[in-house]
Amino acid sequence: MVIRINSSDIFTPEQLTKHMKIYAGPGAGKTHFLIENIKNIVKTNDKVLKSKTRKVLCITYTNSAVDEIKQRLDHYSDAIEVNTIHGFIIKNIITPFQDGLKKIINNEFSIKVNTKTRISSQIEGLGILHGFDKETIYEYINNENESSKTLDYSKNQWALYK
């Protein structure tokens, strides 16, 4: 079902119980719509209003969008967690669960991680192989797999090593 909305519309409590996708072009007011609806949830939802620990989670794609949303939320930001998906995972999964992650890495991959070492996510925009030339990567893969197969950058080839 398609519902036409304006950037100034506020969802009803019933609408908020359903999953929705908002489709709109550049400059249509998506961020304005999102901000106003988040503010409305913070002001009217008992689960947020009556709790000092509950927050509304807003995940976006870019750090600049995070900054823009936080700026527009102004004094509401204490009740809202705004992050990129990477920032959310680092803050809420990787950082607080270091010991568990080290056990998983050891159990699943037989890699022992020093107890003083901090596990972190890759830097956004840089892959785990950043800084290594393809010959070094190929040599490592061939040595680990005792393979003489010629490797290339095709996605199908790399999928074999995941």
N, C-alpha and C. Protein backbone atom coordinates (compact mmCIF):
# COMPACT_ATOMS: atom_id res chain seq x y z
N MET A 1 0.84 -1.17 0.00
CA MET A 1 0.00 0.00 0.00
C MET A 1 0.89 1.24 0.00
N VAL A 2 0.59 2.19 -0.84
CA VAL A 2 1.35 3.44 -0.95
C VAL A 2 0.54 4.56 -0.30
N ILE A 3 1.20 5.30 0.58
CA ILE A 3 0.58 6.46 1.23
C ILE A 3 1.39 7.68 0.82
N ARG A 4 0.75 8.69 0.34
CA ARG A 4 1.45 9.93 -0.02
C ARG A 4 1.58 10.79 1.23
N ILE A 5 2.79 11.26 1.47
CA ILE A 5 3.05 12.11 2.64
C ILE A 5 3.79 13.36 2.21
N ASN A 6 3.77 14.35 3.09
CA ASN A 6 4.53 15.58 2.89
C ASN A 6 5.65 15.61 3.92
N SER A 7 6.64 16.44 3.70
CA SER A 7 7.77 16.51 4.63
C SER A 7 7.35 16.99 6.02
N SER A 8 6.21 17.64 6.11
CA SER A 8 5.74 18.14 7.41
C SER A 8 4.81 17.17 8.13
N ASP A 9 4.48 16.03 7.51
CA ASP A 9 3.58 15.06 8.13
C ASP A 9 4.24 14.38 9.32
N ILE A 10 3.43 14.06 10.32
CA ILE A 10 3.89 13.32 11.49
C ILE A 10 3.13 12.00 11.51
N PHE A 11 3.86 10.91 11.68
CA PHE A 11 3.22 9.60 11.74
C PHE A 11 2.35 9.47 12.98
N THR A 12 1.25 8.76 12.83
CA THR A 12 0.38 8.46 13.97
C THR A 12 1.01 7.33 14.76
N PRO A 13 0.61 7.13 16.02
CA PRO A 13 1.13 5.99 16.78
C PRO A 13 0.89 4.66 16.06
N GLU A 14 -0.24 4.52 15.38
CA GLU A 14 -0.53 3.29 14.64
C GLU A 14 0.45 3.11 13.48
N GLN A 15 0.73 4.18 12.75
CA GLN A 15 1.68 4.10 11.63
C GLN A 15 3.07 3.72 12.12
N LEU A 16 3.42 4.15 13.32
CA LEU A 16 4.75 3.86 13.85
C LEU A 16 4.93 2.39 14.23
N THR A 17 3.86 1.63 14.29
CA THR A 17 3.98 0.20 14.62
C THR A 17 4.31 -0.63 13.39
N LYS A 18 4.35 0.00 12.22
CA LYS A 18 4.59 -0.71 10.96
C LYS A 18 5.93 -0.29 10.36
N HIS A 19 6.50 -1.18 9.57
CA HIS A 19 7.71 -0.86 8.82
C HIS A 19 7.33 -0.02 7.61
N MET A 20 8.14 0.97 7.32
CA MET A 20 7.85 1.84 6.18
C MET A 20 9.13 2.19 5.44
N LYS A 21 8.96 2.44 4.16
CA LYS A 21 10.04 2.96 3.33
C LYS A 21 9.58 4.30 2.80
N ILE A 22 10.46 5.27 2.83
CA ILE A 22 10.15 6.60 2.31
C ILE A 22 10.94 6.77 1.01
N TYR A 23 10.22 7.02 -0.07
CA TYR A 23 10.84 7.27 -1.36
C TYR A 23 10.66 8.74 -1.72
N ALA A 24 11.75 9.44 -1.96
CA ALA A 24 11.66 10.84 -2.37
C ALA A 24 12.98 11.26 -2.97
N GLY A 25 12.92 12.18 -3.88
CA GLY A 25 14.12 12.67 -4.54
C GLY A 25 14.89 13.68 -3.70
N PRO A 26 16.01 14.15 -4.25
CA PRO A 26 16.82 15.14 -3.54
C PRO A 26 16.02 16.42 -3.26
N GLY A 27 16.19 16.95 -2.07
CA GLY A 27 15.53 18.20 -1.72
C GLY A 27 14.05 18.09 -1.39
N ALA A 28 13.55 16.88 -1.30
CA ALA A 28 12.11 16.69 -1.05
C ALA A 28 11.75 16.85 0.42
N GLY A 29 12.75 16.86 1.30
CA GLY A 29 12.46 17.04 2.72
C GLY A 29 12.53 15.78 3.56
N LYS A 30 13.26 14.77 3.07
CA LYS A 30 13.36 13.49 3.82
C LYS A 30 13.98 13.70 5.19
N THR A 31 15.06 14.46 5.27
CA THR A 31 15.73 14.68 6.55
C THR A 31 14.81 15.47 7.48
N HIS A 32 14.14 16.49 6.98
CA HIS A 32 13.20 17.27 7.78
C HIS A 32 12.10 16.34 8.33
N PHE A 33 11.54 15.51 7.46
CA PHE A 33 10.50 14.56 7.85
C PHE A 33 11.01 13.63 8.95
N LEU A 34 12.21 13.09 8.77
CA LEU A 34 12.80 12.18 9.75
C LEU A 34 13.00 12.87 11.09
N ILE A 35 13.58 14.06 11.07
CA ILE A 35 13.86 14.80 12.31
C ILE A 35 12.58 15.10 13.07
N GLU A 36 11.58 15.60 12.36
CA GLU A 36 10.32 15.96 13.03
C GLU A 36 9.62 14.73 13.61
N ASN A 37 9.70 13.60 12.92
CA ASN A 37 9.07 12.39 13.44
C ASN A 37 9.85 11.82 14.62
N ILE A 38 11.16 11.92 14.60
CA ILE A 38 11.96 11.47 15.75
C ILE A 38 11.65 12.35 16.96
N LYS A 39 11.59 13.66 16.77
CA LYS A 39 11.24 14.56 17.88
C LYS A 39 9.88 14.21 18.45
N ASN A 40 8.93 13.90 17.58
CA ASN A 40 7.58 13.54 18.02
C ASN A 40 7.61 12.25 18.85
N ILE A 41 8.39 11.28 18.44
CA ILE A 41 8.50 10.03 19.20
C ILE A 41 9.08 10.32 20.58
N VAL A 42 10.13 11.13 20.64
CA VAL A 42 10.75 11.47 21.92
C VAL A 42 9.76 12.19 22.84
N LYS A 43 8.93 13.07 22.28
CA LYS A 43 7.97 13.85 23.08
C LYS A 43 6.74 13.06 23.49
N THR A 44 6.36 12.02 22.72
CA THR A 44 5.06 11.38 22.97
C THR A 44 5.11 9.90 23.34
N ASN A 45 6.21 9.22 23.08
CA ASN A 45 6.26 7.79 23.33
C ASN A 45 6.64 7.51 24.79
N ASP A 46 5.76 6.86 25.52
CA ASP A 46 6.00 6.57 26.94
C ASP A 46 7.26 5.75 27.18
N LYS A 47 7.59 4.85 26.26
CA LYS A 47 8.78 4.01 26.44
C LYS A 47 10.05 4.86 26.46
N VAL A 48 10.05 5.95 25.75
CA VAL A 48 11.20 6.86 25.74
C VAL A 48 11.05 7.90 26.84
N LEU A 49 9.86 8.46 26.97
CA LEU A 49 9.61 9.51 27.96
C LEU A 49 9.89 9.07 29.39
N LYS A 50 9.48 7.86 29.73
CA LYS A 50 9.56 7.40 31.12
C LYS A 50 10.84 6.63 31.42
N SER A 51 11.79 6.67 30.53
CA SER A 51 13.03 5.93 30.74
C SER A 51 14.23 6.87 30.60
N LYS A 52 15.20 6.64 31.47
CA LYS A 52 16.44 7.41 31.36
C LYS A 52 17.46 6.70 30.48
N THR A 53 17.18 5.43 30.17
CA THR A 53 18.15 4.67 29.39
C THR A 53 17.68 4.36 27.96
N ARG A 54 16.40 4.34 27.70
CA ARG A 54 15.90 4.05 26.35
C ARG A 54 16.13 5.25 25.44
N LYS A 55 16.49 4.92 24.20
CA LYS A 55 16.73 5.96 23.20
C LYS A 55 16.13 5.53 21.87
N VAL A 56 15.91 6.50 21.02
CA VAL A 56 15.52 6.23 19.64
C VAL A 56 16.81 6.05 18.85
N LEU A 57 16.89 4.99 18.05
CA LEU A 57 18.08 4.73 17.25
C LEU A 57 17.84 5.22 15.82
N CYS A 58 18.76 6.02 15.33
CA CYS A 58 18.71 6.53 13.96
C CYS A 58 20.03 6.17 13.29
N ILE A 59 19.97 5.28 12.31
CA ILE A 59 21.18 4.87 11.59
C ILE A 59 21.12 5.43 10.18
N THR A 60 22.22 6.05 9.78
CA THR A 60 22.30 6.65 8.45
C THR A 60 23.58 6.20 7.76
N TYR A 61 23.76 6.60 6.52
CA TYR A 61 24.87 6.10 5.72
C TYR A 61 26.20 6.81 5.94
N THR A 62 26.16 8.11 6.15
CA THR A 62 27.42 8.86 6.16
C THR A 62 27.62 9.62 7.46
N ASN A 63 28.87 9.92 7.77
CA ASN A 63 29.18 10.72 8.95
C ASN A 63 28.65 12.14 8.81
N SER A 64 28.63 12.68 7.58
CA SER A 64 28.08 14.02 7.40
C SER A 64 26.58 14.03 7.68
N ALA A 65 25.87 12.96 7.34
CA ALA A 65 24.44 12.87 7.67
C ALA A 65 24.25 12.76 9.18
N VAL A 66 25.13 12.02 9.86
CA VAL A 66 25.07 11.93 11.32
C VAL A 66 25.19 13.33 11.92
N ASP A 67 26.18 14.09 11.46
CA ASP A 67 26.40 15.45 11.97
C ASP A 67 25.19 16.34 11.71
N GLU A 68 24.64 16.27 10.50
CA GLU A 68 23.49 17.08 10.13
C GLU A 68 22.27 16.75 11.01
N ILE A 69 22.02 15.47 11.20
CA ILE A 69 20.87 15.04 12.02
C ILE A 69 21.06 15.47 13.46
N LYS A 70 22.25 15.26 14.01
CA LYS A 70 22.51 15.69 15.40
C LYS A 70 22.31 17.18 15.57
N GLN A 71 22.77 17.96 14.60
CA GLN A 71 22.62 19.42 14.68
C GLN A 71 21.14 19.80 14.66
N ARG A 72 20.38 19.18 13.79
CA ARG A 72 18.96 19.51 13.69
C ARG A 72 18.15 19.02 14.90
N LEU A 73 18.63 17.98 15.56
CA LEU A 73 17.90 17.46 16.72
C LEU A 73 18.09 18.34 17.95
N ASP A 74 19.15 19.11 17.96
CA ASP A 74 19.40 20.08 19.03
C ASP A 74 19.29 19.43 20.40
N HIS A 75 18.42 19.93 21.28
CA HIS A 75 18.35 19.45 22.66
C HIS A 75 17.68 18.08 22.79
N TYR A 76 17.16 17.52 21.71
CA TYR A 76 16.56 16.18 21.75
C TYR A 76 17.65 15.09 21.69
N SER A 77 18.85 15.47 21.37
CA SER A 77 19.90 14.48 21.10
C SER A 77 20.23 13.56 22.27
N ASP A 78 19.91 13.95 23.50
CA ASP A 78 20.16 13.07 24.64
C ASP A 78 19.29 11.81 24.60
N ALA A 79 18.15 11.88 23.92
CA ALA A 79 17.23 10.74 23.85
C ALA A 79 17.35 9.99 22.53
N ILE A 80 18.36 10.34 21.73
CA ILE A 80 18.49 9.75 20.41
C ILE A 80 19.94 9.33 20.16
N GLU A 81 20.11 8.14 19.64
CA GLU A 81 21.42 7.63 19.24
C GLU A 81 21.49 7.75 17.73
N VAL A 82 22.37 8.60 17.22
CA VAL A 82 22.52 8.79 15.78
C VAL A 82 23.91 8.30 15.39
N ASN A 83 23.96 7.38 14.45
CA ASN A 83 25.22 6.79 14.04
C ASN A 83 25.15 6.25 12.63
N THR A 84 26.33 6.00 12.06
CA THR A 84 26.40 5.16 10.86
C THR A 84 26.31 3.73 11.36
N ILE A 85 26.07 2.79 10.48
CA ILE A 85 26.02 1.39 10.90
C ILE A 85 27.37 0.96 11.48
N HIS A 86 28.46 1.45 10.89
CA HIS A 86 29.79 1.10 11.41
C HIS A 86 30.00 1.67 12.81
N GLY A 87 29.61 2.93 13.00
CA GLY A 87 29.75 3.55 14.32
C GLY A 87 28.93 2.83 15.37
N PHE A 88 27.73 2.42 15.01
CA PHE A 88 26.87 1.69 15.93
C PHE A 88 27.50 0.36 16.33
N ILE A 89 28.02 -0.38 15.35
CA ILE A 89 28.62 -1.68 15.63
C ILE A 89 29.86 -1.53 16.51
N ILE A 90 30.70 -0.54 16.22
CA ILE A 90 31.90 -0.32 17.03
C ILE A 90 31.51 -0.01 18.47
N LYS A 91 30.57 0.92 18.65
CA LYS A 91 30.19 1.38 19.99
C LYS A 91 29.43 0.32 20.79
N ASN A 92 28.56 -0.44 20.13
CA ASN A 92 27.65 -1.32 20.85
C ASN A 92 27.96 -2.81 20.76
N ILE A 93 28.86 -3.21 19.87
CA ILE A 93 29.18 -4.63 19.74
C ILE A 93 30.68 -4.88 19.93
N ILE A 94 31.49 -4.21 19.13
CA ILE A 94 32.93 -4.50 19.16
C ILE A 94 33.56 -4.03 20.47
N THR A 95 33.33 -2.80 20.87
CA THR A 95 33.97 -2.26 22.07
C THR A 95 33.54 -2.98 23.35
N PRO A 96 32.25 -3.17 23.60
CA PRO A 96 31.87 -3.78 24.89
C PRO A 96 32.08 -5.30 24.97
N PHE A 97 32.28 -5.96 23.85
CA PHE A 97 32.36 -7.43 23.87
C PHE A 97 33.73 -7.95 23.41
N GLN A 98 34.79 -7.28 23.85
CA GLN A 98 36.14 -7.65 23.45
C GLN A 98 36.48 -9.11 23.80
N ASP A 99 36.23 -9.51 25.03
CA ASP A 99 36.59 -10.87 25.46
C ASP A 99 35.85 -11.92 24.64
N GLY A 100 34.56 -11.71 24.43
CA GLY A 100 33.77 -12.66 23.64
C GLY A 100 34.25 -12.75 22.20
N LEU A 101 34.59 -11.60 21.61
CA LEU A 101 35.08 -11.59 20.23
C LEU A 101 36.42 -12.32 20.12
N LYS A 102 37.27 -12.14 21.11
CA LYS A 102 38.57 -12.84 21.11
C LYS A 102 38.37 -14.35 21.19
N LYS A 103 37.41 -14.80 21.99
CA LYS A 103 37.11 -16.23 22.09
C LYS A 103 36.58 -16.77 20.76
N ILE A 104 35.69 -16.02 20.12
CA ILE A 104 35.15 -16.44 18.83
C ILE A 104 36.25 -16.54 17.79
N ILE A 105 37.13 -15.54 17.74
CA ILE A 105 38.24 -15.54 16.78
C ILE A 105 39.13 -16.75 17.03
N ASN A 106 39.38 -17.06 18.29
CA ASN A 106 40.21 -18.22 18.63
C ASN A 106 39.50 -19.52 18.26
N ASN A 107 38.23 -19.66 18.64
CA ASN A 107 37.49 -20.90 18.39
C ASN A 107 37.23 -21.14 16.91
N GLU A 108 36.83 -20.09 16.20
CA GLU A 108 36.42 -20.25 14.80
C GLU A 108 37.59 -20.23 13.82
N PHE A 109 38.65 -19.46 14.14
CA PHE A 109 39.74 -19.28 13.18
C PHE A 109 41.10 -19.71 13.71
N SER A 110 41.12 -20.22 14.94
CA SER A 110 42.38 -20.65 15.58
C SER A 110 43.41 -19.53 15.62
N ILE A 111 42.94 -18.32 15.84
CA ILE A 111 43.83 -17.18 15.97
C ILE A 111 43.75 -16.70 17.40
N LYS A 112 44.87 -16.75 18.09
CA LYS A 112 44.92 -16.33 19.49
C LYS A 112 45.22 -14.83 19.51
N VAL A 113 44.32 -14.07 20.12
CA VAL A 113 44.49 -12.62 20.22
C VAL A 113 44.95 -12.30 21.63
N ASN A 114 46.04 -11.56 21.73
CA ASN A 114 46.59 -11.16 23.02
C ASN A 114 45.52 -10.46 23.85
N THR A 115 45.47 -10.75 25.14
CA THR A 115 44.44 -10.17 26.01
C THR A 115 44.54 -8.65 26.08
N LYS A 116 45.72 -8.08 25.85
CA LYS A 116 45.89 -6.62 25.90
C LYS A 116 45.54 -5.95 24.57
N THR A 117 45.42 -6.74 23.51
CA THR A 117 45.10 -6.20 22.19
C THR A 117 43.63 -5.83 22.13
N ARG A 118 43.34 -4.67 21.56
CA ARG A 118 41.95 -4.23 21.36
C ARG A 118 41.53 -4.55 19.94
N ILE A 119 40.43 -5.23 19.80
CA ILE A 119 39.88 -5.51 18.48
C ILE A 119 39.12 -4.26 18.04
N SER A 120 39.29 -3.90 16.78
CA SER A 120 38.57 -2.74 16.27
C SER A 120 38.06 -3.04 14.88
N SER A 121 37.20 -2.18 14.41
CA SER A 121 36.66 -2.31 13.07
C SER A 121 37.64 -1.68 12.09
N GLN A 122 37.47 -2.01 10.84
CA GLN A 122 38.28 -1.33 9.83
C GLN A 122 37.88 0.14 9.79
N ILE A 123 38.78 0.96 9.36
CA ILE A 123 38.49 2.38 9.22
C ILE A 123 37.53 2.54 8.06
N GLU A 124 36.46 3.30 8.25
CA GLU A 124 35.50 3.49 7.17
C GLU A 124 36.21 4.02 5.95
N GLY A 125 35.91 3.39 4.82
CA GLY A 125 36.50 3.82 3.56
C GLY A 125 37.79 3.09 3.24
N LEU A 126 38.34 2.35 4.19
CA LEU A 126 39.56 1.59 3.92
C LEU A 126 39.29 0.11 4.17
N GLY A 127 39.64 -0.71 3.25
CA GLY A 127 39.46 -2.14 3.40
C GLY A 127 40.56 -2.75 4.25
N ILE A 128 40.33 -3.97 4.68
CA ILE A 128 41.29 -4.66 5.54
C ILE A 128 42.62 -4.90 4.80
N LEU A 129 42.57 -4.94 3.48
CA LEU A 129 43.78 -5.18 2.68
C LEU A 129 44.42 -3.89 2.19
N HIS A 130 43.93 -2.77 2.67
CA HIS A 130 44.47 -1.47 2.27
C HIS A 130 45.97 -1.41 2.58
N GLY A 131 46.74 -0.97 1.64
CA GLY A 131 48.18 -0.82 1.84
C GLY A 131 48.99 -2.01 1.35
N PHE A 132 48.33 -3.12 0.99
CA PHE A 132 49.02 -4.28 0.46
C PHE A 132 48.83 -4.32 -1.06
N ASP A 133 49.92 -4.55 -1.80
CA ASP A 133 49.75 -4.67 -3.24
C ASP A 133 49.23 -6.06 -3.57
N LYS A 134 48.63 -6.21 -4.75
CA LYS A 134 47.97 -7.47 -5.08
C LYS A 134 48.94 -8.64 -5.15
N GLU A 135 50.19 -8.40 -5.52
CA GLU A 135 51.15 -9.50 -5.58
C GLU A 135 51.40 -10.09 -4.19
N THR A 136 51.51 -9.22 -3.18
CA THR A 136 51.71 -9.68 -1.81
C THR A 136 50.50 -10.48 -1.33
N ILE A 137 49.32 -10.01 -1.66
CA ILE A 137 48.09 -10.71 -1.27
C ILE A 137 48.03 -12.07 -1.96
N TYR A 138 48.29 -12.10 -3.26
CA TYR A 138 48.26 -13.37 -4.00
C TYR A 138 49.29 -14.35 -3.45
N GLU A 139 50.48 -13.85 -3.16
CA GLU A 139 51.53 -14.72 -2.62
C GLU A 139 51.09 -15.33 -1.30
N TYR A 140 50.51 -14.53 -0.44
CA TYR A 140 50.03 -15.02 0.85
C TYR A 140 48.96 -16.10 0.66
N ILE A 141 47.98 -15.82 -0.21
CA ILE A 141 46.89 -16.79 -0.43
C ILE A 141 47.45 -18.08 -1.00
N ASN A 142 48.34 -17.98 -1.97
CA ASN A 142 48.93 -19.18 -2.57
C ASN A 142 49.73 -19.98 -1.55
N ASN A 143 50.49 -19.29 -0.70
CA ASN A 143 51.27 -19.99 0.32
C ASN A 143 50.38 -20.68 1.34
N GLU A 144 49.32 -19.99 1.76
CA GLU A 144 48.39 -20.56 2.75
C GLU A 144 47.64 -21.76 2.21
N ASN A 145 47.33 -21.74 0.93
CA ASN A 145 46.52 -22.81 0.33
C ASN A 145 47.36 -23.77 -0.51
N GLU A 146 48.68 -23.57 -0.50
CA GLU A 146 49.59 -24.38 -1.30
C GLU A 146 49.06 -24.54 -2.72
N SER A 147 48.67 -23.39 -3.28
CA SER A 147 48.05 -23.38 -4.60
C SER A 147 48.98 -22.73 -5.61
N SER A 148 48.90 -23.21 -6.83
CA SER A 148 49.67 -22.56 -7.90
C SER A 148 48.70 -21.94 -8.90
N LYS A 149 47.44 -21.88 -8.53
CA LYS A 149 46.41 -21.33 -9.39
C LYS A 149 46.64 -19.83 -9.59
N THR A 150 46.45 -19.35 -10.80
CA THR A 150 46.57 -17.93 -11.08
C THR A 150 45.35 -17.21 -10.53
N LEU A 151 45.59 -16.15 -9.78
CA LEU A 151 44.50 -15.41 -9.17
C LEU A 151 44.27 -14.10 -9.89
N ASP A 152 43.04 -13.63 -9.84
CA ASP A 152 42.73 -12.30 -10.37
C ASP A 152 41.76 -11.61 -9.42
N TYR A 153 41.34 -10.41 -9.78
CA TYR A 153 40.48 -9.62 -8.91
C TYR A 153 38.99 -9.89 -9.11
N SER A 154 38.62 -10.92 -9.82
CA SER A 154 37.19 -11.14 -10.03
C SER A 154 36.51 -11.49 -8.71
N LYS A 155 35.26 -11.06 -8.57
CA LYS A 155 34.52 -11.33 -7.34
C LYS A 155 34.36 -12.84 -7.12
N ASN A 156 34.17 -13.59 -8.19
CA ASN A 156 34.01 -15.04 -8.05
C ASN A 156 35.25 -15.69 -7.47
N GLN A 157 36.42 -15.23 -7.88
CA GLN A 157 37.67 -15.78 -7.37
C GLN A 157 37.82 -15.49 -5.89
N TRP A 158 37.54 -14.24 -5.48
CA TRP A 158 37.69 -13.88 -4.08
C TRP A 158 36.67 -14.58 -3.20
N ALA A 159 35.51 -14.89 -3.76
CA ALA A 159 34.47 -15.58 -2.98
C ALA A 159 34.95 -16.95 -2.52
N LEU A 160 35.90 -17.55 -3.24
CA LEU A 160 36.44 -18.85 -2.85
C LEU A 160 37.18 -18.78 -1.52
N TYR A 161 37.66 -17.61 -1.13
CA TYR A 161 38.48 -17.48 0.05
C TYR A 161 37.73 -16.91 1.24
N LYS A 162 36.44 -16.73 1.12
CA LYS A 162 35.66 -16.18 2.22
C LYS A 162 35.17 -17.28 3.13
